[in-house]
Amino acid sequence: MTDDRLDWESTYAIALALKRAYPQANLKEVSLGQIYAWTLELSEFQDDPLLANDDILSAIYQDWLEEILHEQ
């Protein structure tokens, strides 16, 4: 296990990784299903896909949104 490993508890780190991977994403059009799929595609993500739930995915979405809002 390395320090850059992501799991479902790393919602903020996942949000930052998704923000880097998908800089042009319009969060108004991104679904929780899309966040789930994109998270699984992250090379540093290493957790059981079955552990995801709407609360976790919503937290990732919220963290990502807050990062964008703080840039403005």
N, C-alpha and C. Protein backbone atom coordinates (compact mmCIF):
# COMPACT_ATOMS: atom_id res chain seq x y z
N MET A 1 0.85 -1.18 0.00
CA MET A 1 0.00 0.00 0.00
C MET A 1 0.89 1.24 0.00
N THR A 2 0.53 2.21 -0.84
CA THR A 2 1.29 3.44 -0.93
C THR A 2 0.46 4.61 -0.44
N ASP A 3 1.12 5.73 -0.19
CA ASP A 3 0.43 6.91 0.32
C ASP A 3 -0.56 7.49 -0.68
N ASP A 4 -0.33 7.25 -1.98
CA ASP A 4 -1.22 7.84 -2.98
C ASP A 4 -2.37 6.92 -3.36
N ARG A 5 -2.58 5.85 -2.62
CA ARG A 5 -3.68 4.94 -2.85
C ARG A 5 -4.98 5.61 -2.40
N LEU A 6 -5.99 5.50 -3.23
CA LEU A 6 -7.29 6.08 -2.91
C LEU A 6 -8.29 4.99 -2.60
N ASP A 7 -9.15 5.25 -1.63
CA ASP A 7 -10.26 4.35 -1.34
C ASP A 7 -11.50 5.22 -1.12
N TRP A 8 -12.63 4.57 -0.88
CA TRP A 8 -13.89 5.32 -0.77
C TRP A 8 -13.90 6.32 0.37
N GLU A 9 -13.04 6.15 1.38
CA GLU A 9 -12.99 7.11 2.48
C GLU A 9 -12.23 8.37 2.09
N SER A 10 -11.53 8.35 0.97
CA SER A 10 -10.71 9.47 0.51
C SER A 10 -11.51 10.39 -0.41
N THR A 11 -12.67 10.83 0.02
CA THR A 11 -13.54 11.58 -0.89
C THR A 11 -12.89 12.85 -1.41
N TYR A 12 -12.19 13.58 -0.56
CA TYR A 12 -11.56 14.83 -1.01
C TYR A 12 -10.44 14.53 -2.01
N ALA A 13 -9.62 13.55 -1.72
CA ALA A 13 -8.52 13.18 -2.62
C ALA A 13 -9.07 12.67 -3.95
N ILE A 14 -10.15 11.92 -3.91
CA ILE A 14 -10.78 11.46 -5.15
C ILE A 14 -11.30 12.66 -5.94
N ALA A 15 -11.93 13.60 -5.26
CA ALA A 15 -12.44 14.80 -5.93
C ALA A 15 -11.32 15.55 -6.63
N LEU A 16 -10.18 15.70 -5.95
CA LEU A 16 -9.04 16.39 -6.57
C LEU A 16 -8.53 15.62 -7.78
N ALA A 17 -8.45 14.30 -7.68
CA ALA A 17 -7.99 13.47 -8.79
C ALA A 17 -8.94 13.57 -9.98
N LEU A 18 -10.24 13.56 -9.71
CA LEU A 18 -11.22 13.70 -10.79
C LEU A 18 -11.15 15.09 -11.41
N LYS A 19 -10.95 16.09 -10.60
CA LYS A 19 -10.83 17.46 -11.11
C LYS A 19 -9.64 17.57 -12.07
N ARG A 20 -8.54 16.92 -11.71
CA ARG A 20 -7.36 16.91 -12.59
C ARG A 20 -7.61 16.10 -13.86
N ALA A 21 -8.28 14.96 -13.71
CA ALA A 21 -8.51 14.06 -14.84
C ALA A 21 -9.57 14.59 -15.80
N TYR A 22 -10.53 15.33 -15.27
CA TYR A 22 -11.65 15.83 -16.08
C TYR A 22 -11.83 17.33 -15.86
N PRO A 23 -10.84 18.13 -16.27
CA PRO A 23 -10.90 19.57 -15.99
C PRO A 23 -12.05 20.30 -16.69
N GLN A 24 -12.54 19.76 -17.76
CA GLN A 24 -13.62 20.42 -18.50
C GLN A 24 -15.01 19.93 -18.10
N ALA A 25 -15.09 19.04 -17.11
CA ALA A 25 -16.39 18.49 -16.71
C ALA A 25 -17.30 19.59 -16.18
N ASN A 26 -18.53 19.56 -16.62
CA ASN A 26 -19.56 20.47 -16.12
C ASN A 26 -20.32 19.71 -15.04
N LEU A 27 -20.09 20.07 -13.79
CA LEU A 27 -20.67 19.31 -12.69
C LEU A 27 -22.20 19.34 -12.70
N LYS A 28 -22.78 20.32 -13.36
CA LYS A 28 -24.25 20.35 -13.46
C LYS A 28 -24.76 19.18 -14.30
N GLU A 29 -23.87 18.62 -15.12
CA GLU A 29 -24.27 17.52 -16.01
C GLU A 29 -23.67 16.17 -15.59
N VAL A 30 -22.90 16.15 -14.52
CA VAL A 30 -22.24 14.92 -14.07
C VAL A 30 -23.15 14.21 -13.06
N SER A 31 -23.42 12.96 -13.33
CA SER A 31 -24.26 12.16 -12.43
C SER A 31 -23.40 11.42 -11.40
N LEU A 32 -24.04 10.91 -10.37
CA LEU A 32 -23.31 10.09 -9.40
C LEU A 32 -22.79 8.83 -10.06
N GLY A 33 -23.52 8.31 -11.03
CA GLY A 33 -23.05 7.15 -11.78
C GLY A 33 -21.77 7.45 -12.54
N GLN A 34 -21.68 8.65 -13.09
CA GLN A 34 -20.47 9.05 -13.81
C GLN A 34 -19.30 9.21 -12.84
N ILE A 35 -19.55 9.79 -11.69
CA ILE A 35 -18.50 9.92 -10.67
C ILE A 35 -18.01 8.54 -10.26
N TYR A 36 -18.93 7.61 -10.09
CA TYR A 36 -18.56 6.23 -9.75
C TYR A 36 -17.65 5.63 -10.82
N ALA A 37 -18.08 5.72 -12.07
CA ALA A 37 -17.31 5.14 -13.17
C ALA A 37 -15.93 5.80 -13.29
N TRP A 38 -15.89 7.12 -13.22
CA TRP A 38 -14.61 7.83 -13.33
C TRP A 38 -13.69 7.49 -12.17
N THR A 39 -14.25 7.35 -10.97
CA THR A 39 -13.43 6.99 -9.80
C THR A 39 -12.79 5.63 -10.01
N LEU A 40 -13.55 4.67 -10.50
CA LEU A 40 -13.00 3.33 -10.73
C LEU A 40 -11.89 3.35 -11.78
N GLU A 41 -11.92 4.31 -12.68
CA GLU A 41 -10.90 4.42 -13.73
C GLU A 41 -9.60 5.06 -13.24
N LEU A 42 -9.62 5.71 -12.09
CA LEU A 42 -8.41 6.34 -11.57
C LEU A 42 -7.37 5.27 -11.24
N SER A 43 -6.16 5.44 -11.74
CA SER A 43 -5.12 4.42 -11.53
C SER A 43 -4.79 4.24 -10.05
N GLU A 44 -4.91 5.30 -9.27
CA GLU A 44 -4.56 5.22 -7.85
C GLU A 44 -5.71 4.72 -6.97
N PHE A 45 -6.89 4.49 -7.58
CA PHE A 45 -8.02 4.01 -6.80
C PHE A 45 -7.92 2.50 -6.63
N GLN A 46 -7.97 2.06 -5.37
CA GLN A 46 -7.84 0.63 -5.07
C GLN A 46 -8.77 0.27 -3.92
N ASP A 47 -10.04 0.13 -4.22
CA ASP A 47 -11.00 -0.27 -3.20
C ASP A 47 -12.07 -1.12 -3.87
N ASP A 48 -12.89 -1.73 -3.06
CA ASP A 48 -13.95 -2.59 -3.56
C ASP A 48 -15.06 -1.73 -4.17
N PRO A 49 -15.33 -1.88 -5.47
CA PRO A 49 -16.39 -1.09 -6.10
C PRO A 49 -17.75 -1.27 -5.44
N LEU A 50 -17.98 -2.41 -4.82
CA LEU A 50 -19.27 -2.69 -4.20
C LEU A 50 -19.49 -1.90 -2.91
N LEU A 51 -18.46 -1.27 -2.38
CA LEU A 51 -18.60 -0.49 -1.15
C LEU A 51 -19.13 0.92 -1.39
N ALA A 52 -19.20 1.33 -2.64
CA ALA A 52 -19.69 2.67 -2.96
C ALA A 52 -21.18 2.77 -2.67
N ASN A 53 -21.60 3.97 -2.27
CA ASN A 53 -23.02 4.24 -2.09
C ASN A 53 -23.27 5.71 -2.43
N ASP A 54 -24.52 6.09 -2.44
CA ASP A 54 -24.86 7.47 -2.84
C ASP A 54 -24.26 8.51 -1.90
N ASP A 55 -24.16 8.19 -0.62
CA ASP A 55 -23.57 9.15 0.32
C ASP A 55 -22.10 9.42 -0.02
N ILE A 56 -21.35 8.39 -0.31
CA ILE A 56 -19.94 8.55 -0.67
C ILE A 56 -19.81 9.32 -1.97
N LEU A 57 -20.59 8.93 -2.96
CA LEU A 57 -20.50 9.59 -4.27
C LEU A 57 -20.94 11.05 -4.17
N SER A 58 -21.94 11.32 -3.34
CA SER A 58 -22.37 12.71 -3.13
C SER A 58 -21.28 13.52 -2.44
N ALA A 59 -20.57 12.91 -1.51
CA ALA A 59 -19.47 13.61 -0.83
C ALA A 59 -18.36 13.94 -1.81
N ILE A 60 -18.05 13.02 -2.71
CA ILE A 60 -17.03 13.30 -3.74
C ILE A 60 -17.50 14.46 -4.60
N TYR A 61 -18.75 14.42 -5.04
CA TYR A 61 -19.32 15.50 -5.85
C TYR A 61 -19.22 16.83 -5.11
N GLN A 62 -19.61 16.85 -3.86
CA GLN A 62 -19.59 18.09 -3.07
C GLN A 62 -18.16 18.62 -2.91
N ASP A 63 -17.22 17.74 -2.62
CA ASP A 63 -15.82 18.17 -2.49
C ASP A 63 -15.30 18.75 -3.80
N TRP A 64 -15.65 18.12 -4.91
CA TRP A 64 -15.24 18.59 -6.23
C TRP A 64 -15.86 19.96 -6.51
N LEU A 65 -17.14 20.10 -6.24
CA LEU A 65 -17.83 21.38 -6.46
C LEU A 65 -17.21 22.49 -5.61
N GLU A 66 -16.92 22.20 -4.36
CA GLU A 66 -16.33 23.22 -3.48
C GLU A 66 -14.95 23.64 -3.98
N GLU A 67 -14.18 22.70 -4.51
CA GLU A 67 -12.88 23.04 -5.08
C GLU A 67 -13.03 24.01 -6.25
N ILE A 68 -14.00 23.76 -7.10
CA ILE A 68 -14.23 24.64 -8.24
C ILE A 68 -14.69 26.02 -7.78
N LEU A 69 -15.59 26.04 -6.81
CA LEU A 69 -16.09 27.32 -6.30
C LEU A 69 -14.99 28.14 -5.63
N HIS A 70 -14.07 27.48 -4.96
CA HIS A 70 -12.98 28.21 -4.29
C HIS A 70 -11.96 28.79 -5.27
N GLU A 71 -11.96 28.27 -6.50
CA GLU A 71 -11.06 28.81 -7.53
C GLU A 71 -11.57 30.11 -8.10
N GLN A 72 -12.86 30.34 -8.01
CA GLN A 72 -13.47 31.51 -8.65
C GLN A 72 -13.31 32.76 -7.82
